[in-house]
Amino acid sequence: MKAVLVAMHLVACQPDLLICKDMSVNSKRWTDVETCRQDRDAEIFRVKQTLPETVVVMSRCRYLIGKDRRTAPAF
């Protein structure tokens, strides 16, 4: 049986939140959302070490489900 994996999406934004950059954790996957949320603080700390103090870093754990032919385009 295949498991649905969870990915963490991280973004780093300017203080006004108008310009953001994707900083997602592409190499790690979790088996459930709760485990991903427990690692959130560590991943945010890791990303913030390389950025200026004024940058706002936000994250979200989401299910990693591939698109199929029924998925509508986002844009």
PDB file of N, CA and C in Angstrom:
ATOM      1  N   MET A   1       0.835  -1.174   0.000  1.00  0.00           N
ATOM      2  CA  MET A   1       0.000   0.000   0.000  1.00  0.00           C
ATOM      3  C   MET A   1       0.885   1.244   0.000  1.00  0.00           C
ATOM      4  N   LYS A   2       0.558   2.202  -0.877  1.00  0.00           N
ATOM      5  CA  LYS A   2       1.306   3.445  -0.945  1.00  0.00           C
ATOM      6  C   LYS A   2       0.825   4.395   0.132  1.00  0.00           C
ATOM      7  N   ALA A   3       1.751   5.158   0.691  1.00  0.00           N
ATOM      8  CA  ALA A   3       1.412   6.157   1.706  1.00  0.00           C
ATOM      9  C   ALA A   3       1.392   7.530   1.055  1.00  0.00           C
ATOM     10  N   VAL A   4       0.527   8.390   1.541  1.00  0.00           N
ATOM     11  CA  VAL A   4       0.512   9.776   1.100  1.00  0.00           C
ATOM     12  C   VAL A   4       1.513  10.524   1.966  1.00  0.00           C
ATOM     13  N   LEU A   5       2.512  11.089   1.332  1.00  0.00           N
ATOM     14  CA  LEU A   5       3.559  11.775   2.071  1.00  0.00           C
ATOM     15  C   LEU A   5       3.199  13.238   2.298  1.00  0.00           C
ATOM     16  N   VAL A   6       3.892  13.858   3.231  1.00  0.00           N
ATOM     17  CA  VAL A   6       3.678  15.254   3.589  1.00  0.00           C
ATOM     18  C   VAL A   6       4.950  16.029   3.280  1.00  0.00           C
ATOM     19  N   ALA A   7       4.794  17.207   2.685  1.00  0.00           N
ATOM     20  CA  ALA A   7       5.921  18.083   2.383  1.00  0.00           C
ATOM     21  C   ALA A   7       5.757  19.392   3.147  1.00  0.00           C
ATOM     22  N   MET A   8       6.886  20.050   3.437  1.00  0.00           N
ATOM     23  CA  MET A   8       6.846  21.343   4.107  1.00  0.00           C
ATOM     24  C   MET A   8       7.158  22.427   3.084  1.00  0.00           C
ATOM     25  N   HIS A   9       6.294  23.413   3.007  1.00  0.00           N
ATOM     26  CA  HIS A   9       6.519  24.548   2.121  1.00  0.00           C
ATOM     27  C   HIS A   9       6.952  25.732   2.972  1.00  0.00           C
ATOM     28  N   LEU A  10       8.113  26.284   2.663  1.00  0.00           N
ATOM     29  CA  LEU A  10       8.661  27.440   3.381  1.00  0.00           C
ATOM     30  C   LEU A  10       8.794  28.612   2.425  1.00  0.00           C
ATOM     31  N   VAL A  11       8.445  29.798   2.889  1.00  0.00           N
ATOM     32  CA  VAL A  11       8.674  31.012   2.123  1.00  0.00           C
ATOM     33  C   VAL A  11       9.344  32.039   3.016  1.00  0.00           C
ATOM     34  N   ALA A  12      10.248  32.809   2.428  1.00  0.00           N
ATOM     35  CA  ALA A  12      10.901  33.917   3.111  1.00  0.00           C
ATOM     36  C   ALA A  12      10.420  35.198   2.439  1.00  0.00           C
ATOM     37  N   CYS A  13       9.894  36.124   3.243  1.00  0.00           N
ATOM     38  CA  CYS A  13       9.287  37.339   2.701  1.00  0.00           C
ATOM     39  C   CYS A  13       9.915  38.585   3.291  1.00  0.00           C
ATOM     40  N   GLN A  14       9.842  39.661   2.533  1.00  0.00           N
ATOM     41  CA  GLN A  14      10.214  40.953   3.067  1.00  0.00           C
ATOM     42  C   GLN A  14       9.221  41.306   4.164  1.00  0.00           C
ATOM     43  N   PRO A  15       9.568  42.213   5.082  1.00  0.00           N
ATOM     44  CA  PRO A  15       8.676  42.536   6.202  1.00  0.00           C
ATOM     45  C   PRO A  15       7.262  42.965   5.788  1.00  0.00           C
ATOM     46  N   ASP A  16       7.125  43.585   4.608  1.00  0.00           N
ATOM     47  CA  ASP A  16       5.794  44.002   4.157  1.00  0.00           C
ATOM     48  C   ASP A  16       5.025  42.867   3.477  1.00  0.00           C
ATOM     49  N   LEU A  17       5.640  41.698   3.344  1.00  0.00           N
ATOM     50  CA  LEU A  17       5.058  40.479   2.757  1.00  0.00           C
ATOM     51  C   LEU A  17       4.697  40.619   1.284  1.00  0.00           C
ATOM     52  N   LEU A  18       5.223  41.634   0.603  1.00  0.00           N
ATOM     53  CA  LEU A  18       4.903  41.826  -0.813  1.00  0.00           C
ATOM     54  C   LEU A  18       5.794  40.986  -1.726  1.00  0.00           C
ATOM     55  N   ILE A  19       7.022  40.748  -1.328  1.00  0.00           N
ATOM     56  CA  ILE A  19       7.938  39.958  -2.140  1.00  0.00           C
ATOM     57  C   ILE A  19       8.410  38.776  -1.308  1.00  0.00           C
ATOM     58  N   CYS A  20       8.180  37.571  -1.847  1.00  0.00           N
ATOM     59  CA  CYS A  20       8.552  36.350  -1.134  1.00  0.00           C
ATOM     60  C   CYS A  20       9.385  35.442  -2.039  1.00  0.00           C
ATOM     61  N   LYS A  21      10.163  34.594  -1.416  1.00  0.00           N
ATOM     62  CA  LYS A  21      10.980  33.620  -2.135  1.00  0.00           C
ATOM     63  C   LYS A  21      10.710  32.235  -1.561  1.00  0.00           C
ATOM     64  N   ASP A  22      10.540  31.281  -2.435  1.00  0.00           N
ATOM     65  CA  ASP A  22      10.300  29.901  -2.035  1.00  0.00           C
ATOM     66  C   ASP A  22      11.566  29.315  -1.428  1.00  0.00           C
ATOM     67  N   MET A  23      11.430  28.731  -0.238  1.00  0.00           N
ATOM     68  CA  MET A  23      12.561  28.115   0.461  1.00  0.00           C
ATOM     69  C   MET A  23      12.197  26.682   0.870  1.00  0.00           C
ATOM     70  N   SER A  24      11.362  26.034   0.102  1.00  0.00           N
ATOM     71  CA  SER A  24      10.807  24.742   0.499  1.00  0.00           C
ATOM     72  C   SER A  24      11.864  23.694   0.794  1.00  0.00           C
ATOM     73  N   VAL A  25      11.485  22.793   1.651  1.00  0.00           N
ATOM     74  CA  VAL A  25      12.346  21.674   2.031  1.00  0.00           C
ATOM     75  C   VAL A  25      12.049  20.534   1.054  1.00  0.00           C
ATOM     76  N   ASN A  26      12.844  20.449  -0.013  1.00  0.00           N
ATOM     77  CA  ASN A  26      12.559  19.472  -1.066  1.00  0.00           C
ATOM     78  C   ASN A  26      13.090  18.080  -0.769  1.00  0.00           C
ATOM     79  N   SER A  27      14.074  17.971   0.081  1.00  0.00           N
ATOM     80  CA  SER A  27      14.715  16.680   0.294  1.00  0.00           C
ATOM     81  C   SER A  27      14.059  15.855   1.401  1.00  0.00           C
ATOM     82  N   LYS A  28      13.194  16.461   2.213  1.00  0.00           N
ATOM     83  CA  LYS A  28      12.593  15.739   3.330  1.00  0.00           C
ATOM     84  C   LYS A  28      11.112  15.509   3.088  1.00  0.00           C
ATOM     85  N   ARG A  29      10.625  14.375   3.538  1.00  0.00           N
ATOM     86  CA  ARG A  29       9.204  14.038   3.479  1.00  0.00           C
ATOM     87  C   ARG A  29       8.813  13.432   4.821  1.00  0.00           C
ATOM     88  N   TRP A  30       7.581  13.631   5.229  1.00  0.00           N
ATOM     89  CA  TRP A  30       7.067  13.110   6.484  1.00  0.00           C
ATOM     90  C   TRP A  30       5.888  12.199   6.188  1.00  0.00           C
ATOM     91  N   THR A  31       5.586  11.319   7.137  1.00  0.00           N
ATOM     92  CA  THR A  31       4.479  10.381   6.931  1.00  0.00           C
ATOM     93  C   THR A  31       3.138  10.934   7.376  1.00  0.00           C
ATOM     94  N   ASP A  32       3.172  11.985   8.215  1.00  0.00           N
ATOM     95  CA  ASP A  32       1.914  12.622   8.612  1.00  0.00           C
ATOM     96  C   ASP A  32       2.156  14.105   8.905  1.00  0.00           C
ATOM     97  N   VAL A  33       1.091  14.881   8.919  1.00  0.00           N
ATOM     98  CA  VAL A  33       1.186  16.327   9.093  1.00  0.00           C
ATOM     99  C   VAL A  33       1.726  16.688  10.468  1.00  0.00           C
ATOM    100  N   GLU A  34       1.347  15.956  11.482  1.00  0.00           N
ATOM    101  CA  GLU A  34       1.787  16.275  12.846  1.00  0.00           C
ATOM    102  C   GLU A  34       3.311  16.163  12.980  1.00  0.00           C
ATOM    103  N   THR A  35       3.908  15.148  12.392  1.00  0.00           N
ATOM    104  CA  THR A  35       5.360  14.991  12.433  1.00  0.00           C
ATOM    105  C   THR A  35       6.043  16.139  11.695  1.00  0.00           C
ATOM    106  N   CYS A  36       5.470  16.541  10.591  1.00  0.00           N
ATOM    107  CA  CYS A  36       5.996  17.683   9.839  1.00  0.00           C
ATOM    108  C   CYS A  36       5.935  18.951  10.685  1.00  0.00           C
ATOM    109  N   ARG A  37       4.823  19.169  11.357  1.00  0.00           N
ATOM    110  CA  ARG A  37       4.672  20.360  12.202  1.00  0.00           C
ATOM    111  C   ARG A  37       5.675  20.376  13.350  1.00  0.00           C
ATOM    112  N   GLN A  38       6.033  19.203  13.859  1.00  0.00           N
ATOM    113  CA  GLN A  38       7.011  19.134  14.944  1.00  0.00           C
ATOM    114  C   GLN A  38       8.400  19.553  14.467  1.00  0.00           C
ATOM    115  N   ASP A  39       8.705  19.334  13.180  1.00  0.00           N
ATOM    116  CA  ASP A  39       9.997  19.723  12.615  1.00  0.00           C
ATOM    117  C   ASP A  39      10.008  21.159  12.103  1.00  0.00           C
ATOM    118  N   ARG A  40       8.867  21.819  12.123  1.00  0.00           N
ATOM    119  CA  ARG A  40       8.733  23.160  11.536  1.00  0.00           C
ATOM    120  C   ARG A  40       9.707  24.164  12.149  1.00  0.00           C
ATOM    121  N   ASP A  41       9.791  24.232  13.472  1.00  0.00           N
ATOM    122  CA  ASP A  41      10.660  25.214  14.129  1.00  0.00           C
ATOM    123  C   ASP A  41      12.127  25.012  13.749  1.00  0.00           C
ATOM    124  N   ALA A  42      12.557  23.770  13.672  1.00  0.00           N
ATOM    125  CA  ALA A  42      13.945  23.484  13.311  1.00  0.00           C
ATOM    126  C   ALA A  42      14.236  23.909  11.874  1.00  0.00           C
ATOM    127  N   GLU A  43      13.320  23.666  10.970  1.00  0.00           N
ATOM    128  CA  GLU A  43      13.515  24.046   9.569  1.00  0.00           C
ATOM    129  C   GLU A  43      13.495  25.560   9.402  1.00  0.00           C
ATOM    130  N   ILE A  44      12.601  26.248  10.103  1.00  0.00           N
ATOM    131  CA  ILE A  44      12.552  27.704  10.037  1.00  0.00           C
ATOM    132  C   ILE A  44      13.857  28.288  10.596  1.00  0.00           C
ATOM    133  N   PHE A  45      14.353  27.757  11.703  1.00  0.00           N
ATOM    134  CA  PHE A  45      15.617  28.207  12.283  1.00  0.00           C
ATOM    135  C   PHE A  45      16.759  28.017  11.302  1.00  0.00           C
ATOM    136  N   ARG A  46      16.802  26.884  10.629  1.00  0.00           N
ATOM    137  CA  ARG A  46      17.853  26.586   9.654  1.00  0.00           C
ATOM    138  C   ARG A  46      17.834  27.600   8.511  1.00  0.00           C
ATOM    139  N   VAL A  47      16.657  27.919   8.000  1.00  0.00           N
ATOM    140  CA  VAL A  47      16.534  28.857   6.889  1.00  0.00           C
ATOM    141  C   VAL A  47      16.891  30.277   7.336  1.00  0.00           C
ATOM    142  N   LYS A  48      16.444  30.658   8.524  1.00  0.00           N
ATOM    143  CA  LYS A  48      16.682  32.019   9.020  1.00  0.00           C
ATOM    144  C   LYS A  48      18.162  32.317   9.246  1.00  0.00           C
ATOM    145  N   GLN A  49      18.976  31.296   9.470  1.00  0.00           N
ATOM    146  CA  GLN A  49      20.403  31.509   9.718  1.00  0.00           C
ATOM    147  C   GLN A  49      21.101  32.155   8.534  1.00  0.00           C
ATOM    148  N   THR A  50      20.604  31.956   7.335  1.00  0.00           N
ATOM    149  CA  THR A  50      21.258  32.482   6.135  1.00  0.00           C
ATOM    150  C   THR A  50      20.610  33.776   5.636  1.00  0.00           C
ATOM    151  N   LEU A  51      19.589  34.271   6.332  1.00  0.00           N
ATOM    152  CA  LEU A  51      18.837  35.437   5.873  1.00  0.00           C
ATOM    153  C   LEU A  51      18.985  36.605   6.838  1.00  0.00           C
ATOM    154  N   PRO A  52      18.724  37.829   6.358  1.00  0.00           N
ATOM    155  CA  PRO A  52      18.736  38.988   7.264  1.00  0.00           C
ATOM    156  C   PRO A  52      17.665  38.860   8.349  1.00  0.00           C
ATOM    157  N   GLU A  53      17.883  39.541   9.471  1.00  0.00           N
ATOM    158  CA  GLU A  53      16.948  39.448  10.605  1.00  0.00           C
ATOM    159  C   GLU A  53      15.553  39.966  10.288  1.00  0.00           C
ATOM    160  N   THR A  54      15.445  40.878   9.332  1.00  0.00           N
ATOM    161  CA  THR A  54      14.141  41.483   9.025  1.00  0.00           C
ATOM    162  C   THR A  54      13.234  40.586   8.203  1.00  0.00           C
ATOM    163  N   VAL A  55      13.755  39.502   7.652  1.00  0.00           N
ATOM    164  CA  VAL A  55      12.968  38.610   6.800  1.00  0.00           C
ATOM    165  C   VAL A  55      11.978  37.809   7.639  1.00  0.00           C
ATOM    166  N   VAL A  56      10.779  37.651   7.106  1.00  0.00           N
ATOM    167  CA  VAL A  56       9.734  36.860   7.750  1.00  0.00           C
ATOM    168  C   VAL A  56       9.701  35.493   7.064  1.00  0.00           C
ATOM    169  N   VAL A  57       9.803  34.422   7.840  1.00  0.00           N
ATOM    170  CA  VAL A  57       9.761  33.068   7.283  1.00  0.00           C
ATOM    171  C   VAL A  57       8.483  32.399   7.765  1.00  0.00           C
ATOM    172  N   MET A  58       7.736  31.857   6.804  1.00  0.00           N
ATOM    173  CA  MET A  58       6.480  31.170   7.112  1.00  0.00           C
ATOM    174  C   MET A  58       6.520  29.770   6.513  1.00  0.00           C
ATOM    175  N   SER A  59       5.759  28.871   7.113  1.00  0.00           N
ATOM    176  CA  SER A  59       5.753  27.500   6.597  1.00  0.00           C
ATOM    177  C   SER A  59       4.361  26.889   6.703  1.00  0.00           C
ATOM    178  N   ARG A  60       4.195  25.828   5.928  1.00  0.00           N
ATOM    179  CA  ARG A  60       2.959  25.060   5.971  1.00  0.00           C
ATOM    180  C   ARG A  60       3.278  23.622   5.581  1.00  0.00           C
ATOM    181  N   CYS A  61       2.703  22.704   6.314  1.00  0.00           N
ATOM    182  CA  CYS A  61       2.831  21.291   5.977  1.00  0.00           C
ATOM    183  C   CYS A  61       1.613  20.912   5.134  1.00  0.00           C
ATOM    184  N   ARG A  62       1.870  20.229   4.029  1.00  0.00           N
ATOM    185  CA  ARG A  62       0.769  19.871   3.141  1.00  0.00           C
ATOM    186  C   ARG A  62       0.989  18.468   2.587  1.00  0.00           C
ATOM    187  N   TYR A  63      -0.112  17.852   2.197  1.00  0.00           N
ATOM    188  CA  TYR A  63      -0.017  16.531   1.588  1.00  0.00           C
ATOM    189  C   TYR A  63       0.600  16.658   0.202  1.00  0.00           C
ATOM    190  N   LEU A  64       1.444  15.727  -0.144  1.00  0.00           N
ATOM    191  CA  LEU A  64       2.138  15.718  -1.426  1.00  0.00           C
ATOM    192  C   LEU A  64       1.365  14.800  -2.373  1.00  0.00           C
ATOM    193  N   ILE A  65       0.448  15.389  -3.105  1.00  0.00           N
ATOM    194  CA  ILE A  65      -0.403  14.632  -4.023  1.00  0.00           C
ATOM    195  C   ILE A  65      -0.151  15.156  -5.428  1.00  0.00           C
ATOM    196  N   GLY A  66       0.194  14.264  -6.325  1.00  0.00           N
ATOM    197  CA  GLY A  66       0.488  14.661  -7.698  1.00  0.00           C
ATOM    198  C   GLY A  66      -0.764  15.057  -8.462  1.00  0.00           C
ATOM    199  N   LYS A  67      -0.562  15.878  -9.476  1.00  0.00           N
ATOM    200  CA  LYS A  67      -1.676  16.305 -10.329  1.00  0.00           C
ATOM    201  C   LYS A  67      -2.084  15.156 -11.240  1.00  0.00           C
ATOM    202  N   ASP A  68      -3.341  15.110 -11.581  1.00  0.00           N
ATOM    203  CA  ASP A  68      -3.799  14.177 -12.595  1.00  0.00           C
ATOM    204  C   ASP A  68      -4.476  14.988 -13.703  1.00  0.00           C
ATOM    205  N   ARG A  69      -5.010  14.328 -14.683  1.00  0.00           N
ATOM    206  CA  ARG A  69      -5.584  15.049 -15.836  1.00  0.00           C
ATOM    207  C   ARG A  69      -6.848  15.830 -15.461  1.00  0.00           C
ATOM    208  N   ARG A  70      -7.438  15.548 -14.310  1.00  0.00           N
ATOM    209  CA  ARG A  70      -8.642  16.280 -13.877  1.00  0.00           C
ATOM    210  C   ARG A  70      -8.304  17.562 -13.102  1.00  0.00           C
ATOM    211  N   THR A  71      -7.033  17.760 -12.748  1.00  0.00           N
ATOM    212  CA  THR A  71      -6.644  18.920 -11.978  1.00  0.00           C
ATOM    213  C   THR A  71      -6.664  20.173 -12.842  1.00  0.00           C
ATOM    214  N   ALA A  72      -7.384  21.176 -12.396  1.00  0.00           N
ATOM    215  CA  ALA A  72      -7.447  22.429 -13.143  1.00  0.00           C
ATOM    216  C   ALA A  72      -6.144  23.200 -12.963  1.00  0.00           C
ATOM    217  N   PRO A  73      -5.719  23.903 -14.021  1.00  0.00           N
ATOM    218  CA  PRO A  73      -4.504  24.712 -13.873  1.00  0.00           C
ATOM    219  C   PRO A  73      -4.691  25.830 -12.861  1.00  0.00           C
ATOM    220  N   ALA A  74      -3.624  26.178 -12.139  1.00  0.00           N
ATOM    221  CA  ALA A  74      -3.708  27.210 -11.122  1.00  0.00           C
ATOM    222  C   ALA A  74      -3.791  28.596 -11.745  1.00  0.00           C
ATOM    223  N   PHE A  75      -3.142  28.795 -12.895  1.00  0.00           N
ATOM    224  CA  PHE A  75      -3.138  30.097 -13.569  1.00  0.00           C
ATOM    225  C   PHE A  75      -3.451  29.929 -15.025  1.00  0.00           C
TER     226      PHE A  75
END
